[in-house]
Protein backbone atom coordinates (compact mmCIF):
# COMPACT_ATOMS: atom_id res chain seq x y z
CA ASN A 1 -33.02 23.16 -58.11
CA PRO A 2 -32.96 21.20 -55.78
CA PRO A 3 -36.80 20.90 -53.86
CA THR A 4 -37.76 23.53 -51.45
CA ARG A 5 -39.22 22.09 -48.45
CA HIS A 6 -42.36 23.42 -46.76
CA PRO A 7 -41.36 25.91 -43.52
CA ALA A 8 -44.15 23.66 -41.14
CA ARG A 9 -41.80 20.42 -42.17
CA VAL A 10 -37.91 22.37 -41.55
CA LEU A 11 -39.97 23.48 -38.08
CA LEU A 12 -41.04 20.09 -37.37
CA ILE A 13 -37.37 18.67 -38.08
CA LEU A 14 -35.54 21.17 -36.10
CA LYS A 15 -37.90 20.32 -33.38
CA HIS A 16 -37.30 16.59 -33.55
CA LYS A 17 -33.14 17.55 -33.58
CA LYS A 18 -33.68 19.65 -30.50
CA ALA A 19 -35.11 16.83 -28.64
CA CYS A 20 -32.60 14.84 -29.15
CA ILE A 21 -29.74 17.26 -28.72
CA ILE A 22 -31.09 18.13 -25.21
CA PRO A 23 -31.16 14.57 -23.84
CA THR A 24 -27.56 14.05 -24.76
CA CYS A 25 -26.19 17.38 -23.75
CA ALA A 26 -27.73 16.53 -20.04
CA LEU A 27 -26.10 13.00 -20.37
CA LEU A 28 -22.75 14.77 -21.27
CA LEU A 29 -22.97 17.16 -18.35
CA PHE A 30 -24.19 14.41 -15.58
CA LEU A 31 -21.31 12.35 -16.83
CA TYR A 32 -19.08 15.43 -16.77
CA LEU A 33 -20.17 16.23 -12.91
CA ARG A 34 -19.94 12.73 -11.55
CA PHE A 35 -16.22 12.32 -12.69
CA SER A 36 -15.55 15.78 -11.53
CA ILE A 37 -16.86 15.37 -7.96
CA ASN A 38 -14.88 12.41 -7.38
CA TYR A 39 -11.62 13.47 -8.44
CA ILE A 40 -12.77 16.49 -6.09
CA LYS A 41 -12.98 14.06 -3.30
CA GLU A 42 -9.84 12.56 -4.32
CA GLU A 43 -7.96 15.48 -4.34
CA GLN A 44 -9.77 16.78 -1.04
CA GLY A 45 -8.78 13.10 0.51
CA VAL A 46 -5.04 13.63 0.24
CA LYS A 47 -5.36 17.56 1.43
CA ILE A 48 -6.64 16.35 4.55
CA TYR A 49 -3.65 15.40 6.60
CA ASP A 50 -3.46 15.43 10.52
CA VAL A 51 -0.24 15.79 12.01
CA SER A 52 -1.40 14.88 15.35
CA HIS A 53 -1.27 11.37 14.73
CA LEU A 54 2.47 11.23 14.16
CA PRO A 55 4.44 9.46 16.78
CA GLN A 56 6.30 11.78 19.61
CA GLN A 57 9.71 10.65 18.37
CA CYS A 58 8.73 11.30 14.68
CA GLN A 59 8.53 15.19 15.35
CA GLU A 60 11.89 16.05 14.13
CA VAL A 61 11.97 13.92 11.19
CA ALA A 62 8.83 15.54 9.74
CA THR A 63 10.17 18.94 10.21
CA LYS A 64 13.12 18.21 8.24
CA PHE A 65 11.05 16.70 5.58
CA HIS A 66 8.30 19.26 5.20
CA LYS A 67 11.26 21.69 5.12
CA CYS A 68 12.84 20.26 2.37
CA GLN A 69 9.50 20.33 0.76
CA GLN A 70 9.80 23.86 0.28
CA ASN A 71 12.78 23.18 -2.04
CA SER A 72 12.14 22.91 -6.26
CA PRO A 73 11.93 21.37 -8.49
CA PRO A 74 11.10 17.89 -7.29
CA LEU A 75 12.01 14.58 -7.75
CA VAL A 76 8.73 12.88 -8.64
CA LEU A 77 8.63 8.58 -7.91
CA ALA A 78 6.10 7.01 -9.97
CA CYS A 79 3.62 4.10 -9.85
CA HIS A 80 0.60 3.78 -11.92
CA ARG A 81 -0.84 0.07 -9.97
CA LYS A 82 -4.19 2.42 -9.46
CA TRP A 83 -4.94 2.35 -13.32
CA CYS A 84 -4.77 -1.82 -13.56
CA SER A 85 -8.13 -2.39 -12.62
CA THR A 86 -9.42 -0.20 -15.95
CA PHE A 87 -7.04 1.35 -18.82
CA GLY A 88 -3.88 2.77 -19.74
CA HIS A 89 -0.14 2.00 -18.41
CA CYS A 90 -0.30 -0.65 -15.78
CA ASP A 91 2.62 -1.48 -13.53
CA PRO A 92 1.92 -3.45 -10.33
CA CYS A 93 5.02 -1.92 -8.70
CA ALA A 94 5.65 -5.19 -6.74
CA GLY A 95 3.97 -5.68 -3.57
CA ILE A 96 3.29 -3.58 -0.61
CA GLY A 97 6.50 -4.25 1.27
CA ASP A 98 9.07 -4.04 -1.30
CA ARG A 99 6.98 -0.62 -2.87
CA THR A 100 6.56 1.19 0.18
CA GLN A 101 10.54 0.37 1.32
CA ARG A 102 11.34 1.54 -1.90
CA MET A 103 9.39 4.68 -1.37
CA LEU A 104 10.64 5.28 1.79
CA GLN A 105 14.56 4.94 0.63
CA PHE A 106 13.60 7.60 -2.07
CA ALA A 107 12.57 9.86 1.01
CA ALA A 108 15.48 9.12 2.85
CA MET A 109 17.78 10.16 0.05
CA ALA A 110 15.46 13.00 -0.80
CA VAL A 111 15.81 14.28 2.87
CA ASP A 112 19.89 13.37 3.09
CA LYS A 113 19.97 15.86 0.29
CA CYS A 114 17.11 18.04 1.14
CA VAL A 115 15.14 17.58 -2.20
CA ARG A 116 11.30 18.15 -2.54
CA MET A 117 9.92 14.91 -3.06
CA GLU A 118 6.52 13.99 -4.85
CA PHE A 119 4.97 10.82 -5.67
CA ASP A 120 2.59 10.07 -8.33
CA TYR A 121 0.85 7.42 -6.36
CA VAL A 122 -1.42 7.19 -3.66
CA PRO A 123 -1.72 3.52 -2.46
CA LEU A 124 -5.41 2.67 -1.68
CA GLY A 125 -6.66 3.19 2.06
CA LEU A 126 -4.20 5.47 2.45
CA ASN A 127 -3.55 9.52 2.30
CA VAL A 128 -0.14 11.11 0.94
CA VAL A 129 0.70 14.36 3.00
CA SER A 130 -0.31 16.87 0.87
CA ASP A 131 3.27 18.66 0.22
CA ALA A 132 4.53 15.48 -1.34
CA VAL A 133 1.36 14.62 -4.00
CA TYR A 134 2.16 15.12 -7.21
CA ARG A 135 -0.02 16.79 -9.68
CA ASP A 136 0.29 16.76 -13.14
CA PRO A 137 -0.24 19.75 -15.72
CA LEU A 138 -2.87 17.63 -17.49
CA GLY A 139 -4.90 17.71 -14.41
CA TYR A 140 -8.44 16.44 -14.43
CA ALA A 141 -8.16 15.59 -18.08
CA GLY A 142 -4.90 13.35 -17.30
CA GLU A 143 -6.78 11.71 -14.23
CA VAL A 144 -10.02 10.88 -16.79
CA LEU A 145 -7.99 9.67 -19.50
CA HIS A 146 -5.08 7.84 -17.58
CA LYS A 147 -2.29 10.22 -19.15
CA ARG A 148 0.45 12.13 -17.80
CA SER A 149 2.80 14.73 -18.99
CA TYR A 150 5.48 12.48 -18.82
CA ASP A 151 6.39 9.25 -19.99
CA VAL A 152 5.05 6.95 -17.42
CA SER A 153 6.48 3.92 -19.46
CA ALA A 154 10.07 5.13 -18.97
CA ARG A 155 12.65 3.13 -16.87
CA ASN A 156 15.94 5.73 -17.07
CA ALA A 157 18.41 5.81 -14.73
CA LEU A 158 17.97 8.64 -11.99
CA ASP A 159 20.95 11.04 -12.76
CA THR A 160 21.46 12.02 -9.07
CA ASP A 161 23.74 15.39 -9.85
CA LYS A 162 20.57 16.85 -11.33
CA LEU A 163 18.58 16.35 -7.86
CA GLY A 164 17.24 19.96 -6.92
CA LYS A 165 18.62 21.40 -10.22
CA GLU A 166 15.61 20.22 -12.57
CA ARG A 167 12.72 18.11 -12.22
CA LEU A 168 13.45 14.69 -12.34
CA TYR A 169 10.72 11.53 -12.93
CA SER A 170 11.87 8.13 -11.60
CA HIS A 171 9.81 4.91 -11.20
CA PHE A 172 9.75 2.93 -8.30
CA PHE A 173 11.93 0.21 -9.74
CA GLY A 174 13.14 1.68 -12.72
CA SER A 175 16.30 3.47 -11.48
CA THR A 176 19.55 1.99 -9.96
CA VAL A 177 20.38 4.74 -7.61
CA SER A 178 23.85 3.99 -5.88
CA SER A 179 22.97 6.28 -2.72
CA LEU A 180 19.57 4.73 -2.03
CA LYS A 181 20.18 3.36 1.60
CA GLN A 182 19.03 0.03 2.50
CA THR A 183 17.78 1.37 5.95
CA TYR A 184 14.96 4.39 6.11
CA ASP A 185 13.94 5.83 9.78
CA PRO A 186 10.45 4.34 10.03
CA CYS A 187 9.37 7.82 10.75
CA LEU A 188 9.31 9.06 6.96
CA PHE A 189 6.31 6.39 6.70
CA HIS A 190 4.17 8.01 9.38
CA THR A 191 5.22 11.84 8.05
CA ILE A 192 4.22 10.52 4.35
CA LEU A 193 1.25 8.25 4.55
CA GLN A 194 -1.85 8.07 6.86
CA PRO A 195 -4.54 5.93 7.18
CA ASN A 196 -7.54 7.71 5.23
CA VAL A 197 -10.87 8.30 7.20
CA ASN A 198 -12.45 4.80 6.12
CA LEU A 199 -9.10 2.41 6.96
CA GLN A 200 -8.79 4.41 10.12
CA ARG A 201 -12.11 3.21 11.38
CA GLU A 202 -11.61 -0.03 10.70
CA ILE A 203 -8.24 -0.01 12.46
CA ASP A 204 -9.75 1.53 15.39
CA THR A 205 -12.90 -0.88 15.56
CA THR A 206 -10.67 -4.09 15.06
CA LEU A 207 -8.24 -3.20 17.86
CA SER A 208 -11.13 -2.16 20.04
CA ASN A 209 -12.56 -5.54 19.67
CA LEU A 210 -9.21 -7.25 20.50
CA GLY A 211 -9.54 -5.27 23.77
CA GLY A 212 -8.17 -1.90 23.40
CA VAL A 213 -4.86 -0.48 24.49
CA GLU A 214 -5.03 -2.41 27.79
CA GLU A 215 -5.09 -6.03 26.37
CA LYS A 216 -1.84 -7.19 25.34
CA LYS A 217 -1.78 -8.69 21.91
CA ILE A 218 0.54 -10.67 20.43
CA GLY A 219 0.28 -11.09 16.41
CA ILE A 220 1.18 -13.69 14.41
CA HIS A 221 1.83 -13.00 10.57
CA PHE A 222 2.25 -16.60 8.95
CA ARG A 223 3.29 -16.48 4.87
CA THR A 224 2.97 -19.48 2.78
CA GLY A 225 3.84 -17.51 -0.40
CA ASP A 226 3.21 -14.99 -3.14
CA SER A 227 0.42 -17.11 -4.66
CA ILE A 228 -2.36 -15.09 -3.30
CA ALA A 229 -0.60 -11.73 -3.29
CA PHE A 230 0.02 -11.54 -6.77
CA GLY A 231 -2.63 -13.63 -8.11
CA MET A 232 -0.71 -16.74 -8.41
CA ASP A 233 -1.69 -20.36 -8.81
CA PHE A 234 -1.02 -21.83 -5.43
CA THR A 235 0.58 -24.83 -6.27
CA LYS A 236 3.21 -23.18 -8.37
CA ASP A 237 4.40 -21.25 -5.11
CA LYS A 238 3.89 -23.72 -2.20
CA ARG A 239 6.22 -22.81 0.49
CA VAL A 240 4.36 -24.41 3.38
CA SER A 241 3.43 -28.33 2.81
CA ASP A 242 1.92 -28.90 5.97
CA LEU A 243 -0.47 -26.13 6.55
CA LYS A 244 -2.07 -27.62 9.92
CA GLY A 245 1.20 -28.46 11.37
CA SER A 246 3.33 -25.46 10.49
CA LEU A 247 0.24 -23.16 12.24
CA ASP A 248 0.54 -25.41 14.98
CA LYS A 249 4.23 -24.07 15.20
CA MET A 250 3.50 -20.51 14.82
CA LEU A 251 0.51 -20.88 17.94
CA LYS A 252 3.02 -22.18 19.83
CA CYS A 253 5.95 -19.74 19.05
CA ALA A 254 3.39 -17.04 19.99
CA GLN A 255 2.64 -18.63 23.19
CA ASN A 256 6.38 -18.72 23.82
CA LEU A 257 6.79 -15.05 23.25
CA SER A 258 3.42 -14.38 25.24
CA GLU A 259 5.07 -16.49 28.29
CA LYS A 260 8.84 -14.65 27.93
CA LEU A 261 7.12 -10.78 27.66
CA TYR A 262 4.58 -11.39 30.22
CA HIS A 263 4.95 -14.80 31.96
CA THR A 264 1.41 -16.04 30.74
CA THR A 265 -0.27 -17.38 27.52
CA GLU A 266 -3.48 -15.81 28.57
CA VAL A 267 -2.96 -13.08 26.16
CA THR A 268 -5.13 -12.04 22.76
CA TYR A 269 -3.62 -13.56 19.84
CA TYR A 270 -4.36 -11.83 16.43
CA LEU A 271 -3.34 -13.78 12.74
CA ALA A 272 -2.62 -12.15 9.48
CA THR A 273 -1.88 -14.57 6.42
CA ASP A 274 -1.74 -14.55 2.98
CA ASN A 275 -3.61 -17.74 2.66
CA SER A 276 -7.39 -18.56 3.17
CA GLN A 277 -6.90 -21.97 3.80
CA VAL A 278 -5.02 -21.28 7.10
CA LYS A 279 -8.12 -19.17 8.34
CA ASP A 280 -10.13 -22.01 7.66
CA LEU A 281 -7.80 -23.82 10.11
CA LEU A 282 -8.22 -22.23 12.86
CA PRO A 283 -11.54 -23.47 14.40
CA LYS A 284 -9.97 -26.60 14.59
CA MET A 285 -7.08 -25.50 16.47
CA ASP A 286 -6.62 -26.93 20.48
CA ASN A 287 -6.62 -24.82 23.80
CA THR A 288 -5.86 -21.69 21.67
CA THR A 289 -8.38 -18.92 20.25
CA VAL A 290 -7.03 -16.68 17.75
CA HIS A 291 -8.38 -13.98 16.28
CA THR A 292 -8.81 -12.57 12.61
CA LEU A 293 -10.45 -10.48 10.21
CA PRO A 294 -12.89 -12.06 8.38
CA ILE A 295 -11.23 -11.09 5.06
CA ARG A 296 -10.80 -13.54 2.51
CA PRO A 297 -6.62 -13.07 1.30
CA SER A 298 -6.93 -11.23 -2.64
CA SER A 299 -4.65 -10.16 -5.18
CA TYR A 300 -2.44 -7.26 -4.37
CA LEU A 301 -3.57 -6.15 -8.17
CA LYS A 302 -7.24 -5.79 -6.78
CA SER A 303 -8.12 -2.76 -5.22
CA GLU A 304 -9.70 -5.23 -2.24
CA GLY A 305 -6.59 -6.49 -1.74
CA GLU A 306 -4.45 -3.85 -1.31
CA LYS A 307 -6.71 -2.46 0.80
CA ASP A 308 -7.17 -5.49 3.21
CA ALA A 309 -3.20 -5.73 2.73
CA TRP A 310 -3.02 -2.08 4.56
CA LEU A 311 -5.09 -3.03 7.29
CA GLU A 312 -3.30 -6.22 8.30
CA LEU A 313 -0.43 -4.29 8.07
CA TYR A 314 -1.50 -1.34 10.45
CA LEU A 315 -2.88 -3.85 13.01
CA LEU A 316 0.02 -6.30 13.35
CA SER A 317 2.46 -3.03 13.76
CA GLN A 318 0.25 -1.84 16.81
CA MET A 319 0.47 -5.38 18.38
CA ASP A 320 2.71 -5.66 21.71
CA GLY A 321 4.50 -8.64 20.16
CA LEU A 322 5.25 -10.04 16.81
CA VAL A 323 6.06 -13.43 15.69
CA MET A 324 6.62 -13.90 11.91
CA ASN A 325 7.99 -17.13 9.96
CA PRO A 326 11.14 -16.88 7.47
CA VAL A 327 11.31 -19.07 4.44
CA SER A 328 14.57 -19.79 4.08
CA SER A 329 17.81 -20.37 6.65
CA ASP A 330 20.25 -19.17 3.72
CA VAL A 331 19.32 -15.25 4.06
CA ASN A 332 19.63 -12.82 6.33
CA TYR A 333 16.85 -11.39 8.37
CA GLU A 334 17.09 -7.85 6.67
CA GLY A 335 15.71 -9.45 3.25
CA SER A 336 18.57 -7.71 1.39
CA GLY A 337 19.26 -10.62 -0.77
CA GLY A 338 17.25 -13.06 -2.65
CA ILE A 339 17.12 -16.80 -3.99
CA ASP A 340 15.49 -18.63 -6.80
CA MET A 341 13.50 -21.44 -6.27
CA THR A 342 11.63 -23.72 -8.66
CA TYR A 343 8.65 -21.35 -8.27
CA GLU A 344 7.60 -18.13 -9.83
CA GLY A 345 9.37 -15.02 -8.27
CA LYS A 346 11.88 -14.73 -5.82
CA ILE A 347 11.57 -14.95 -1.72
CA TYR A 348 13.29 -13.40 1.59
CA ARG A 349 13.44 -14.82 4.34
CA VAL A 350 11.01 -12.57 6.30
CA SER A 351 7.94 -11.15 4.27
CA LYS A 352 8.84 -7.32 3.51
CA LEU A 353 5.34 -6.55 4.52
CA VAL A 354 5.72 -7.85 8.42
CA HIS A 355 8.91 -6.48 8.00
CA LEU A 356 7.51 -3.06 7.27
CA ALA A 357 4.99 -3.35 10.22
CA LYS A 358 7.84 -4.29 12.52
CA HIS A 359 9.84 -1.13 11.64
CA VAL A 360 7.05 1.18 11.53
CA GLY A 361 5.75 0.02 14.85
CA PHE A 362 8.96 0.58 16.57
CA PHE A 363 9.35 -3.07 17.67
CA GLU A 364 12.58 -3.73 19.89
CA ASP A 365 14.21 -7.08 19.27
CA ASP A 366 12.97 -8.72 22.36
CA ASN A 367 9.52 -8.31 21.26
CA VAL A 368 9.71 -9.91 17.64
CA MET A 369 10.38 -13.71 17.52
CA LEU A 370 11.22 -15.83 14.20
CA CYS A 371 9.57 -19.17 14.08
CA PRO A 372 11.41 -21.34 11.76
CA LEU A 373 8.55 -24.15 10.25
């Protein structure tokens, strides 16, 4: 027979175990509440959506989009780049320009066919209109575990004949859809996406520092490559050999555009670039004061890199004039084709990011200048 323990010893053991269990349970409860609060905050962030920000010309498009959102089942467009910094299936989904263009192309197709559209993707720094936010059946557990109830790695072709008849899933760049148009109504951008409170505060503060709405402003987007945006070695994607000389030309183009629009060069100039070395050259430039943000361009795969890119896109879209540098004369301005080069990836004549800024800013062609380097 096993030896019996004295009752006092048994009570002491139970008391000791209880002393260990209580702190463990308290810790688990704390972690659960912390994750829950963060998840609730994120959900509240996408639910709060102010339609008063819409440009006047976008009311009709927004009305049609939200009318179609009442239909079901939806087409779910997925990108899980927010998991890239932690764990789970990660896909960068290209850069902001390509990704957002694809997003708007799908939205345009959905509106044409009047199919509900949901996005399993919230850009860092932005809110997605609440009726277009995908909510997985796994709910909170799916967010914590970085899981979905569907195969997030699938790249199956999208069967457009089933649109509106059953729930369909598509990756941003996983499907070749013949009905996707190269063009889209920029009002879809303003209908679906909106800066969150923090980003809007930064936009307003920067624009105020640039003189507000009364001051005429020329935006300059100087692209030198994808090395910074995608975490590449600068030497592998160096499209501009003479940075100072090229920056000089960009500033001259900006002055020419200002002279053309306002018959003076005495306006505010704002520079956005993907290269920190370009920003370091600004104090050395003569006769022209150029404003820029004190941020250092970083990879889009990092949260700060994406948020900063959205900030600069919104700022460029609210300039009065826009100067951009093409990187190849062999590709048309719309950027619908690419050419292989000796560095990694493909290039387009004009950065898709500034191309997006031009569209969502409703720039007239006369207010945009290409500046070949």
